[in-house]
C-alpha cells in the first residue's frame, strides 16, 4: 500500500532519531583513553582558556632579555617552535625577561592566531632587565603586543613573585591587568610563584586566574619539598585556579636520567591538580622523548 506523506515523515523522523540515539550510545560506550595524551586539549582551571597539556617554555637560563632559546639563533629557534606546533603544542610560554617575544608569531606565520595560546610575564623586580624603570602593567602590555605582533594575549602573569604579601604589594599592577582583561586585551591573569608563601597567597586571592608553580618529585629548583608544595597546588586547583607546572624535569638536570624523567612525568600527572606541563624543550627530540613518557602514564580511575 502507498504510504501517506504524513506517515512517511513520521516513520522517517523515528528512524533518524533511532540512528542518532545509536550514535550517542556508541559515543557514550567508547572508553576514555587509558593513558595521558601530551597534546590533548585541557581546560586551564576555570578560565575560558582551552590549551594543550604540553607547553613550550622559552626561558631556559633566562635573564636580561635573553635565554638559551634566543641564544640558539633565529633559525634553530624557529624550527623548534614550528616542530612543537606540528606535534600538537598549542601553548607557548614567554616573558619580558627572556627576550623571546619577537620570535613566536613569525615562526608560526600563516597559522591563525586563535589556533594557539600565548603566555607572557611582567617583570616587576629590581635588576633582571637592561632598564631600571618598571612601568605600570598597562604600559608594559602595550609594548608586549607590539613586540609579539598580536592584538591580544591569552595569559599575563606577574613574574617570579615570592613575597607572601604580594597581593598587597602588587595591587596597582593587578588593577591594571584587570582593566585590560575587561577590555579583552588579555584573556586571563595570574602569577608565577617562587615561594610556598606566594603560592598560599595565590590560592586565597580571587584575582588570580592561573598560577605557574615549580613541581617535580625530587625538589629540584622548587620552593620547598614536594610534600610541602603539593597540598598548596591541590588548594589552588580546588579554588578553580589554572595550575601550570614548571621545572618538571628539574630545569634540565634530568636530561640524562630516563628513569627519573619517567618518575617525574608519572608523579606530576598523578597529582590530578596540574593542568599543564611547561617545559623548556630545546630540541624536538626532547619533545618526542617526554611525550613518549607521558603516554606511558596510566590515567587513574
C-alpha atoms as a PDB file:
ATOM      1  CA  UNK A   1       0.000   0.000   0.000  1.00  0.00           C
ATOM      2  CA  UNK A   2       1.100   3.531  -0.709  1.00  0.00           C
ATOM      3  CA  UNK A   3       2.371   5.220   2.474  1.00  0.00           C
ATOM      4  CA  UNK A   4       0.701   8.552   3.067  1.00  0.00           C
ATOM      5  CA  UNK A   5       3.034  11.559   3.286  1.00  0.00           C
ATOM      6  CA  UNK A   6       2.296  12.223   6.985  1.00  0.00           C
ATOM      7  CA  UNK A   7       3.035   8.587   7.907  1.00  0.00           C
ATOM      8  CA  UNK A   8       6.218   8.625   5.806  1.00  0.00           C
ATOM      9  CA  UNK A   9       7.530  11.750   7.582  1.00  0.00           C
ATOM     10  CA  UNK A  10       6.671  10.230  10.960  1.00  0.00           C
ATOM     11  CA  UNK A  11       8.483   6.983  10.195  1.00  0.00           C
ATOM     12  CA  UNK A  12      11.496   8.858   8.793  1.00  0.00           C
ATOM     13  CA  UNK A  13      11.747  11.008  11.907  1.00  0.00           C
ATOM     14  CA  UNK A  14      11.596   7.939  14.130  1.00  0.00           C
ATOM     15  CA  UNK A  15      14.245   6.230  12.032  1.00  0.00           C
ATOM     16  CA  UNK A  16      16.609   9.223  12.137  1.00  0.00           C
ATOM     17  CA  UNK A  17      16.009   9.608  15.879  1.00  0.00           C
ATOM     18  CA  UNK A  18      16.946   5.975  16.370  1.00  0.00           C
ATOM     19  CA  UNK A  19      20.143   6.413  14.376  1.00  0.00           C
ATOM     20  CA  UNK A  20      21.131   9.486  16.361  1.00  0.00           C
ATOM     21  CA  UNK A  21      20.374   7.732  19.646  1.00  0.00           C
ATOM     22  CA  UNK A  22      22.521   4.833  18.492  1.00  0.00           C
ATOM     23  CA  UNK A  23      25.388   7.180  17.674  1.00  0.00           C
ATOM     24  CA  UNK A  24      25.101   8.807  21.104  1.00  0.00           C
ATOM     25  CA  UNK A  25      25.063   5.422  22.816  1.00  0.00           C
ATOM     26  CA  UNK A  26      28.112   4.335  20.821  1.00  0.00           C
ATOM     27  CA  UNK A  27      29.966   7.504  21.821  1.00  0.00           C
ATOM     28  CA  UNK A  28      28.989   7.060  25.443  1.00  0.00           C
ATOM     29  CA  UNK A  29      30.235   3.485  25.313  1.00  0.00           C
ATOM     30  CA  UNK A  30      33.617   4.495  23.896  1.00  0.00           C
ATOM     31  CA  UNK A  31      36.219   4.054  26.630  1.00  0.00           C
ATOM     32  CA  UNK A  32      38.283   7.048  27.651  1.00  0.00           C
ATOM     33  CA  UNK A  33      41.989   6.821  26.785  1.00  0.00           C
ATOM     34  CA  UNK A  34      43.772   4.725  29.374  1.00  0.00           C
ATOM     35  CA  UNK A  35      46.974   6.803  29.164  1.00  0.00           C
ATOM     36  CA  UNK A  36      47.648  10.529  29.155  1.00  0.00           C
ATOM     37  CA  UNK A  37      47.978  12.390  25.866  1.00  0.00           C
ATOM     38  CA  UNK A  38      50.664  15.113  25.952  1.00  0.00           C
ATOM     39  CA  UNK A  39      48.856  17.105  23.278  1.00  0.00           C
ATOM     40  CA  UNK A  40      45.249  16.801  24.400  1.00  0.00           C
ATOM     41  CA  UNK A  41      43.275  19.985  24.964  1.00  0.00           C
ATOM     42  CA  UNK A  42      42.653  20.699  28.632  1.00  0.00           C
ATOM     43  CA  UNK A  43      40.830  23.499  30.471  1.00  0.00           C
ATOM     44  CA  UNK A  44      43.073  25.873  32.377  1.00  0.00           C
ATOM     45  CA  UNK A  45      41.243  25.982  35.696  1.00  0.00           C
ATOM     46  CA  UNK A  46      38.020  27.959  35.479  1.00  0.00           C
ATOM     47  CA  UNK A  47      39.391  30.347  32.888  1.00  0.00           C
ATOM     48  CA  UNK A  48      37.882  30.263  29.420  1.00  0.00           C
ATOM     49  CA  UNK A  49      41.206  29.031  28.043  1.00  0.00           C
ATOM     50  CA  UNK A  50      41.477  25.596  26.462  1.00  0.00           C
ATOM     51  CA  UNK A  51      45.134  24.723  25.941  1.00  0.00           C
ATOM     52  CA  UNK A  52      47.398  21.792  25.135  1.00  0.00           C
ATOM     53  CA  UNK A  53      48.716  19.761  28.047  1.00  0.00           C
ATOM     54  CA  UNK A  54      52.269  20.395  26.820  1.00  0.00           C
ATOM     55  CA  UNK A  55      53.522  23.983  26.814  1.00  0.00           C
ATOM     56  CA  UNK A  56      56.776  25.070  25.193  1.00  0.00           C
ATOM     57  CA  UNK A  57      58.756  27.161  27.663  1.00  0.00           C
ATOM     58  CA  UNK A  58      61.244  29.595  26.156  1.00  0.00           C
ATOM     59  CA  UNK A  59      63.136  30.831  29.201  1.00  0.00           C
ATOM     60  CA  UNK A  60      65.864  28.299  29.993  1.00  0.00           C
ATOM     61  CA  UNK A  61      68.522  30.239  31.942  1.00  0.00           C
ATOM     62  CA  UNK A  62      66.717  33.438  31.021  1.00  0.00           C
ATOM     63  CA  UNK A  63      67.542  36.980  32.070  1.00  0.00           C
ATOM     64  CA  UNK A  64      68.300  40.422  30.684  1.00  0.00           C
ATOM     65  CA  UNK A  65      66.035  39.651  27.686  1.00  0.00           C
ATOM     66  CA  UNK A  66      67.821  36.558  26.504  1.00  0.00           C
ATOM     67  CA  UNK A  67      67.672  32.826  27.202  1.00  0.00           C
ATOM     68  CA  UNK A  68      69.102  29.575  25.904  1.00  0.00           C
ATOM     69  CA  UNK A  69      66.338  29.747  23.306  1.00  0.00           C
ATOM     70  CA  UNK A  70      67.306  33.157  21.940  1.00  0.00           C
ATOM     71  CA  UNK A  71      70.983  32.195  22.116  1.00  0.00           C
ATOM     72  CA  UNK A  72      70.391  29.219  19.795  1.00  0.00           C
ATOM     73  CA  UNK A  73      69.733  31.677  16.945  1.00  0.00           C
ATOM     74  CA  UNK A  74      66.606  32.503  14.979  1.00  0.00           C
ATOM     75  CA  UNK A  75      66.811  29.614  12.514  1.00  0.00           C
ATOM     76  CA  UNK A  76      67.048  26.914  15.191  1.00  0.00           C
ATOM     77  CA  UNK A  77      64.519  28.614  17.449  1.00  0.00           C
ATOM     78  CA  UNK A  78      62.035  28.977  14.578  1.00  0.00           C
ATOM     79  CA  UNK A  79      62.453  25.285  13.747  1.00  0.00           C
ATOM     80  CA  UNK A  80      61.813  24.370  17.391  1.00  0.00           C
ATOM     81  CA  UNK A  81      58.621  26.457  17.537  1.00  0.00           C
ATOM     82  CA  UNK A  82      57.381  25.019  14.244  1.00  0.00           C
ATOM     83  CA  UNK A  83      58.227  21.476  15.337  1.00  0.00           C
ATOM     84  CA  UNK A  84      56.419  21.985  18.631  1.00  0.00           C
ATOM     85  CA  UNK A  85      53.300  23.208  16.844  1.00  0.00           C
ATOM     86  CA  UNK A  86      53.417  20.399  14.287  1.00  0.00           C
ATOM     87  CA  UNK A  87      53.459  17.867  17.131  1.00  0.00           C
ATOM     88  CA  UNK A  88      50.425  19.392  18.826  1.00  0.00           C
ATOM     89  CA  UNK A  89      51.737  22.001  21.279  1.00  0.00           C
ATOM     90  CA  UNK A  90      49.319  24.917  21.315  1.00  0.00           C
ATOM     91  CA  UNK A  91      50.580  26.854  24.343  1.00  0.00           C
ATOM     92  CA  UNK A  92      53.771  28.917  24.271  1.00  0.00           C
ATOM     93  CA  UNK A  93      55.310  30.465  27.379  1.00  0.00           C
ATOM     94  CA  UNK A  94      57.315  33.681  27.063  1.00  0.00           C
ATOM     95  CA  UNK A  95      58.376  36.593  29.260  1.00  0.00           C
ATOM     96  CA  UNK A  96      59.862  40.050  29.062  1.00  0.00           C
ATOM     97  CA  UNK A  97      62.816  38.606  30.973  1.00  0.00           C
ATOM     98  CA  UNK A  98      63.534  36.020  28.250  1.00  0.00           C
ATOM     99  CA  UNK A  99      63.537  38.295  25.197  1.00  0.00           C
ATOM    100  CA  UNK A 100      61.509  35.750  23.222  1.00  0.00           C
ATOM    101  CA  UNK A 101      58.558  37.959  22.229  1.00  0.00           C
ATOM    102  CA  UNK A 102      59.625  38.717  18.623  1.00  0.00           C
ATOM    103  CA  UNK A 103      60.157  35.063  17.685  1.00  0.00           C
ATOM    104  CA  UNK A 104      56.863  33.240  18.087  1.00  0.00           C
ATOM    105  CA  UNK A 105      54.416  34.654  15.549  1.00  0.00           C
ATOM    106  CA  UNK A 106      56.952  34.923  12.680  1.00  0.00           C
ATOM    107  CA  UNK A 107      57.798  31.250  13.253  1.00  0.00           C
ATOM    108  CA  UNK A 108      54.078  30.388  13.050  1.00  0.00           C
ATOM    109  CA  UNK A 109      53.426  32.577  10.012  1.00  0.00           C
ATOM    110  CA  UNK A 110      50.204  31.656   8.260  1.00  0.00           C
ATOM    111  CA  UNK A 111      48.704  29.880  11.276  1.00  0.00           C
ATOM    112  CA  UNK A 112      45.590  31.680  12.595  1.00  0.00           C
ATOM    113  CA  UNK A 113      46.188  33.367  15.925  1.00  0.00           C
ATOM    114  CA  UNK A 114      43.258  31.594  17.567  1.00  0.00           C
ATOM    115  CA  UNK A 115      44.888  28.208  16.959  1.00  0.00           C
ATOM    116  CA  UNK A 116      47.420  28.696  19.777  1.00  0.00           C
ATOM    117  CA  UNK A 117      47.689  30.495  23.114  1.00  0.00           C
ATOM    118  CA  UNK A 118      50.378  32.851  24.390  1.00  0.00           C
ATOM    119  CA  UNK A 119      51.553  33.266  27.972  1.00  0.00           C
ATOM    120  CA  UNK A 120      53.876  36.091  28.913  1.00  0.00           C
ATOM    121  CA  UNK A 121      55.054  37.678  32.144  1.00  0.00           C
ATOM    122  CA  UNK A 122      55.732  41.120  33.575  1.00  0.00           C
ATOM    123  CA  UNK A 123      58.986  41.564  35.490  1.00  0.00           C
ATOM    124  CA  UNK A 124      58.399  43.833  38.491  1.00  0.00           C
ATOM    125  CA  UNK A 125      61.665  43.416  40.410  1.00  0.00           C
ATOM    126  CA  UNK A 126      64.911  45.436  40.508  1.00  0.00           C
ATOM    127  CA  UNK A 127      67.549  44.155  38.093  1.00  0.00           C
ATOM    128  CA  UNK A 128      66.982  41.445  35.510  1.00  0.00           C
ATOM    129  CA  UNK A 129      66.252  43.852  32.648  1.00  0.00           C
ATOM    130  CA  UNK A 130      68.500  46.399  30.897  1.00  0.00           C
ATOM    131  CA  UNK A 131      66.439  49.399  32.062  1.00  0.00           C
ATOM    132  CA  UNK A 132      65.881  50.324  35.695  1.00  0.00           C
ATOM    133  CA  UNK A 133      62.327  51.663  35.438  1.00  0.00           C
ATOM    134  CA  UNK A 134      59.304  49.415  35.902  1.00  0.00           C
ATOM    135  CA  UNK A 135      56.309  50.995  34.117  1.00  0.00           C
ATOM    136  CA  UNK A 136      52.725  50.164  35.029  1.00  0.00           C
ATOM    137  CA  UNK A 137      51.212  46.981  33.622  1.00  0.00           C
ATOM    138  CA  UNK A 138      49.093  48.783  31.015  1.00  0.00           C
ATOM    139  CA  UNK A 139      52.196  50.420  29.542  1.00  0.00           C
ATOM    140  CA  UNK A 140      54.134  47.152  29.587  1.00  0.00           C
ATOM    141  CA  UNK A 141      51.349  45.120  27.967  1.00  0.00           C
ATOM    142  CA  UNK A 142      51.025  47.710  25.178  1.00  0.00           C
ATOM    143  CA  UNK A 143      54.712  47.146  24.431  1.00  0.00           C
ATOM    144  CA  UNK A 144      54.278  43.373  24.617  1.00  0.00           C
ATOM    145  CA  UNK A 145      51.515  43.461  21.992  1.00  0.00           C
ATOM    146  CA  UNK A 146      53.779  45.356  19.582  1.00  0.00           C
ATOM    147  CA  UNK A 147      56.799  43.137  20.231  1.00  0.00           C
ATOM    148  CA  UNK A 148      54.843  39.918  19.790  1.00  0.00           C
ATOM    149  CA  UNK A 149      52.676  41.220  16.937  1.00  0.00           C
ATOM    150  CA  UNK A 150      49.261  40.330  18.302  1.00  0.00           C
ATOM    151  CA  UNK A 151      46.030  42.077  19.257  1.00  0.00           C
ATOM    152  CA  UNK A 152      45.559  40.146  22.492  1.00  0.00           C
ATOM    153  CA  UNK A 153      47.363  37.933  24.998  1.00  0.00           C
ATOM    154  CA  UNK A 154      45.859  34.795  26.441  1.00  0.00           C
ATOM    155  CA  UNK A 155      47.518  34.848  29.856  1.00  0.00           C
ATOM    156  CA  UNK A 156      49.651  37.535  31.502  1.00  0.00           C
ATOM    157  CA  UNK A 157      51.446  36.810  34.765  1.00  0.00           C
ATOM    158  CA  UNK A 158      53.298  38.840  37.360  1.00  0.00           C
ATOM    159  CA  UNK A 159      56.669  37.160  37.143  1.00  0.00           C
ATOM    160  CA  UNK A 160      58.551  35.408  39.928  1.00  0.00           C
ATOM    161  CA  UNK A 161      56.599  36.591  42.980  1.00  0.00           C
ATOM    162  CA  UNK A 162      57.976  35.319  46.270  1.00  0.00           C
ATOM    163  CA  UNK A 163      56.549  37.571  48.984  1.00  0.00           C
ATOM    164  CA  UNK A 164      53.519  36.146  50.825  1.00  0.00           C
ATOM    165  CA  UNK A 165      52.215  39.728  50.795  1.00  0.00           C
ATOM    166  CA  UNK A 166      52.424  40.112  47.031  1.00  0.00           C
ATOM    167  CA  UNK A 167      48.643  40.739  46.618  1.00  0.00           C
ATOM    168  CA  UNK A 168      49.012  43.917  48.696  1.00  0.00           C
ATOM    169  CA  UNK A 169      52.377  44.928  47.247  1.00  0.00           C
ATOM    170  CA  UNK A 170      51.381  44.456  43.589  1.00  0.00           C
ATOM    171  CA  UNK A 171      47.763  45.619  43.786  1.00  0.00           C
ATOM    172  CA  UNK A 172      48.257  48.532  41.310  1.00  0.00           C
ATOM    173  CA  UNK A 173      49.653  46.156  38.657  1.00  0.00           C
ATOM    174  CA  UNK A 174      46.812  43.745  39.351  1.00  0.00           C
ATOM    175  CA  UNK A 175      44.243  46.510  38.886  1.00  0.00           C
ATOM    176  CA  UNK A 176      45.762  47.438  35.512  1.00  0.00           C
ATOM    177  CA  UNK A 177      45.626  43.829  34.351  1.00  0.00           C
ATOM    178  CA  UNK A 178      42.000  43.554  35.469  1.00  0.00           C
ATOM    179  CA  UNK A 179      41.104  46.555  33.300  1.00  0.00           C
ATOM    180  CA  UNK A 180      42.926  45.036  30.337  1.00  0.00           C
ATOM    181  CA  UNK A 181      41.018  41.800  30.847  1.00  0.00           C
ATOM    182  CA  UNK A 182      37.710  43.705  30.915  1.00  0.00           C
ATOM    183  CA  UNK A 183      38.690  45.300  27.577  1.00  0.00           C
ATOM    184  CA  UNK A 184      39.569  41.931  26.042  1.00  0.00           C
ATOM    185  CA  UNK A 185      43.236  42.826  25.607  1.00  0.00           C
ATOM    186  CA  UNK A 186      44.168  39.862  27.808  1.00  0.00           C
ATOM    187  CA  UNK A 187      42.025  36.832  28.487  1.00  0.00           C
ATOM    188  CA  UNK A 188      43.340  35.825  31.921  1.00  0.00           C
ATOM    189  CA  UNK A 189      45.874  36.955  34.532  1.00  0.00           C
ATOM    190  CA  UNK A 190      47.831  35.457  37.382  1.00  0.00           C
ATOM    191  CA  UNK A 191      51.248  34.918  38.892  1.00  0.00           C
ATOM    192  CA  UNK A 192      54.390  32.858  38.553  1.00  0.00           C
ATOM    193  CA  UNK A 193      55.302  31.844  42.098  1.00  0.00           C
ATOM    194  CA  UNK A 194      58.707  31.229  43.669  1.00  0.00           C
ATOM    195  CA  UNK A 195      57.847  30.518  47.289  1.00  0.00           C
ATOM    196  CA  UNK A 196      55.288  28.476  49.196  1.00  0.00           C
ATOM    197  CA  UNK A 197      54.083  31.661  50.879  1.00  0.00           C
ATOM    198  CA  UNK A 198      53.409  33.222  47.479  1.00  0.00           C
ATOM    199  CA  UNK A 199      51.553  30.082  46.377  1.00  0.00           C
ATOM    200  CA  UNK A 200      49.406  30.175  49.521  1.00  0.00           C
ATOM    201  CA  UNK A 201      48.576  33.813  48.863  1.00  0.00           C
ATOM    202  CA  UNK A 202      47.641  32.977  45.260  1.00  0.00           C
ATOM    203  CA  UNK A 203      45.252  30.251  46.408  1.00  0.00           C
ATOM    204  CA  UNK A 204      43.428  32.759  48.605  1.00  0.00           C
ATOM    205  CA  UNK A 205      43.415  35.650  46.118  1.00  0.00           C
ATOM    206  CA  UNK A 206      40.243  35.894  43.957  1.00  0.00           C
ATOM    207  CA  UNK A 207      42.095  37.961  41.327  1.00  0.00           C
ATOM    208  CA  UNK A 208      44.277  35.005  40.354  1.00  0.00           C
ATOM    209  CA  UNK A 209      43.084  33.053  37.310  1.00  0.00           C
ATOM    210  CA  UNK A 210      46.157  30.871  36.869  1.00  0.00           C
ATOM    211  CA  UNK A 211      49.456  30.090  38.585  1.00  0.00           C
ATOM    212  CA  UNK A 212      52.829  28.875  37.364  1.00  0.00           C
ATOM    213  CA  UNK A 213      54.354  26.654  40.069  1.00  0.00           C
ATOM    214  CA  UNK A 214      57.535  24.600  40.287  1.00  0.00           C
ATOM    215  CA  UNK A 215      56.896  20.902  40.822  1.00  0.00           C
ATOM    216  CA  UNK A 216      58.713  17.579  40.462  1.00  0.00           C
ATOM    217  CA  UNK A 217      59.161  14.611  42.813  1.00  0.00           C
ATOM    218  CA  UNK A 218      62.785  15.462  43.648  1.00  0.00           C
ATOM    219  CA  UNK A 219      62.505  19.026  44.966  1.00  0.00           C
ATOM    220  CA  UNK A 220      64.802  20.300  42.190  1.00  0.00           C
ATOM    221  CA  UNK A 221      64.592  24.079  41.667  1.00  0.00           C
ATOM    222  CA  UNK A 222      61.426  24.096  43.768  1.00  0.00           C
ATOM    223  CA  UNK A 223      60.053  26.310  46.524  1.00  0.00           C
ATOM    224  CA  UNK A 224      60.220  23.502  49.088  1.00  0.00           C
ATOM    225  CA  UNK A 225      59.966  19.738  49.325  1.00  0.00           C
ATOM    226  CA  UNK A 226      57.141  18.156  47.304  1.00  0.00           C
ATOM    227  CA  UNK A 227      55.229  17.259  50.466  1.00  0.00           C
ATOM    228  CA  UNK A 228      55.076  20.991  51.290  1.00  0.00           C
ATOM    229  CA  UNK A 229      54.229  22.171  47.774  1.00  0.00           C
ATOM    230  CA  UNK A 230      51.681  19.564  46.668  1.00  0.00           C
ATOM    231  CA  UNK A 231      48.984  20.435  49.257  1.00  0.00           C
ATOM    232  CA  UNK A 232      49.100  24.060  48.115  1.00  0.00           C
ATOM    233  CA  UNK A 233      48.787  23.042  44.463  1.00  0.00           C
ATOM    234  CA  UNK A 234      45.737  20.990  45.382  1.00  0.00           C
ATOM    235  CA  UNK A 235      44.334  24.009  47.191  1.00  0.00           C
ATOM    236  CA  UNK A 236      44.913  26.161  44.094  1.00  0.00           C
ATOM    237  CA  UNK A 237      43.210  23.599  41.887  1.00  0.00           C
ATOM    238  CA  UNK A 238      40.248  23.259  44.254  1.00  0.00           C
ATOM    239  CA  UNK A 239      39.862  27.049  44.175  1.00  0.00           C
ATOM    240  CA  UNK A 240      39.466  26.898  40.381  1.00  0.00           C
ATOM    241  CA  UNK A 241      42.867  28.333  39.526  1.00  0.00           C
ATOM    242  CA  UNK A 242      44.708  27.060  36.489  1.00  0.00           C
ATOM    243  CA  UNK A 243      47.917  25.288  37.538  1.00  0.00           C
ATOM    244  CA  UNK A 244      50.865  25.233  35.149  1.00  0.00           C
ATOM    245  CA  UNK A 245      53.735  23.064  36.340  1.00  0.00           C
ATOM    246  CA  UNK A 246      57.315  24.244  35.822  1.00  0.00           C
ATOM    247  CA  UNK A 247      60.689  22.524  36.396  1.00  0.00           C
ATOM    248  CA  UNK A 248      59.098  19.154  35.636  1.00  0.00           C
ATOM    249  CA  UNK A 249      62.491  17.759  34.637  1.00  0.00           C
ATOM    250  CA  UNK A 250      64.439  19.805  37.167  1.00  0.00           C
ATOM    251  CA  UNK A 251      65.414  22.670  34.852  1.00  0.00           C
ATOM    252  CA  UNK A 252      67.061  20.161  32.525  1.00  0.00           C
ATOM    253  CA  UNK A 253      69.006  18.321  35.216  1.00  0.00           C
ATOM    254  CA  UNK A 254      67.140  15.089  34.474  1.00  0.00           C
ATOM    255  CA  UNK A 255      68.044  15.153  30.790  1.00  0.00           C
ATOM    256  CA  UNK A 256      70.440  12.235  31.180  1.00  0.00           C
ATOM    257  CA  UNK A 257      68.348  10.229  33.619  1.00  0.00           C
ATOM    258  CA  UNK A 258      65.492   8.465  31.785  1.00  0.00           C
ATOM    259  CA  UNK A 259      64.205   6.678  34.890  1.00  0.00           C
ATOM    260  CA  UNK A 260      63.781   9.937  36.782  1.00  0.00           C
ATOM    261  CA  UNK A 261      62.114  11.566  33.786  1.00  0.00           C
ATOM    262  CA  UNK A 262      59.612   8.716  33.822  1.00  0.00           C
ATOM    263  CA  UNK A 263      59.126   9.151  37.553  1.00  0.00           C
ATOM    264  CA  UNK A 264      58.597  12.886  37.228  1.00  0.00           C
ATOM    265  CA  UNK A 265      56.017  12.520  34.458  1.00  0.00           C
ATOM    266  CA  UNK A 266      54.111   9.939  36.477  1.00  0.00           C
ATOM    267  CA  UNK A 267      54.311  11.918  39.721  1.00  0.00           C
ATOM    268  CA  UNK A 268      53.064  15.211  38.311  1.00  0.00           C
ATOM    269  CA  UNK A 269      50.250  13.708  36.244  1.00  0.00           C
ATOM    270  CA  UNK A 270      49.064  11.506  39.117  1.00  0.00           C
ATOM    271  CA  UNK A 271      48.630  14.572  41.336  1.00  0.00           C
ATOM    272  CA  UNK A 272      45.453  15.453  39.471  1.00  0.00           C
ATOM    273  CA  UNK A 273      45.919  19.153  40.133  1.00  0.00           C
ATOM    274  CA  UNK A 274      48.450  20.199  37.464  1.00  0.00           C
ATOM    275  CA  UNK A 275      46.725  21.178  34.220  1.00  0.00           C
ATOM    276  CA  UNK A 276      49.736  21.903  32.024  1.00  0.00           C
ATOM    277  CA  UNK A 277      53.359  20.766  31.825  1.00  0.00           C
ATOM    278  CA  UNK A 278      55.527  23.756  30.894  1.00  0.00           C
ATOM    279  CA  UNK A 279      58.935  22.521  29.759  1.00  0.00           C
ATOM    280  CA  UNK A 280      61.818  24.419  28.156  1.00  0.00           C
ATOM    281  CA  UNK A 281      62.468  21.935  25.382  1.00  0.00           C
ATOM    282  CA  UNK A 282      65.453  22.919  23.241  1.00  0.00           C
ATOM    283  CA  UNK A 283      65.172  20.169  20.637  1.00  0.00           C
ATOM    284  CA  UNK A 284      62.211  18.444  19.024  1.00  0.00           C
ATOM    285  CA  UNK A 285      63.806  15.150  20.070  1.00  0.00           C
ATOM    286  CA  UNK A 286      63.319  16.233  23.679  1.00  0.00           C
ATOM    287  CA  UNK A 287      59.633  16.885  22.999  1.00  0.00           C
ATOM    288  CA  UNK A 288      59.239  13.426  21.487  1.00  0.00           C
ATOM    289  CA  UNK A 289      61.114  11.783  24.349  1.00  0.00           C
ATOM    290  CA  UNK A 290      58.996  13.303  27.106  1.00  0.00           C
ATOM    291  CA  UNK A 291      55.782  12.856  25.112  1.00  0.00           C
ATOM    292  CA  UNK A 292      56.504   9.135  24.975  1.00  0.00           C
ATOM    293  CA  UNK A 293      56.997   9.073  28.755  1.00  0.00           C
ATOM    294  CA  UNK A 294      53.708  10.906  29.336  1.00  0.00           C
ATOM    295  CA  UNK A 295      51.901   8.410  27.106  1.00  0.00           C
ATOM    296  CA  UNK A 296      53.077   5.581  29.380  1.00  0.00           C
ATOM    297  CA  UNK A 297      51.383   7.074  32.435  1.00  0.00           C
ATOM    298  CA  UNK A 298      48.028   5.368  33.121  1.00  0.00           C
ATOM    299  CA  UNK A 299      45.089   7.566  33.988  1.00  0.00           C
ATOM    300  CA  UNK A 300      43.715   6.960  37.438  1.00  0.00           C
ATOM    301  CA  UNK A 301      40.126   5.722  37.522  1.00  0.00           C
END
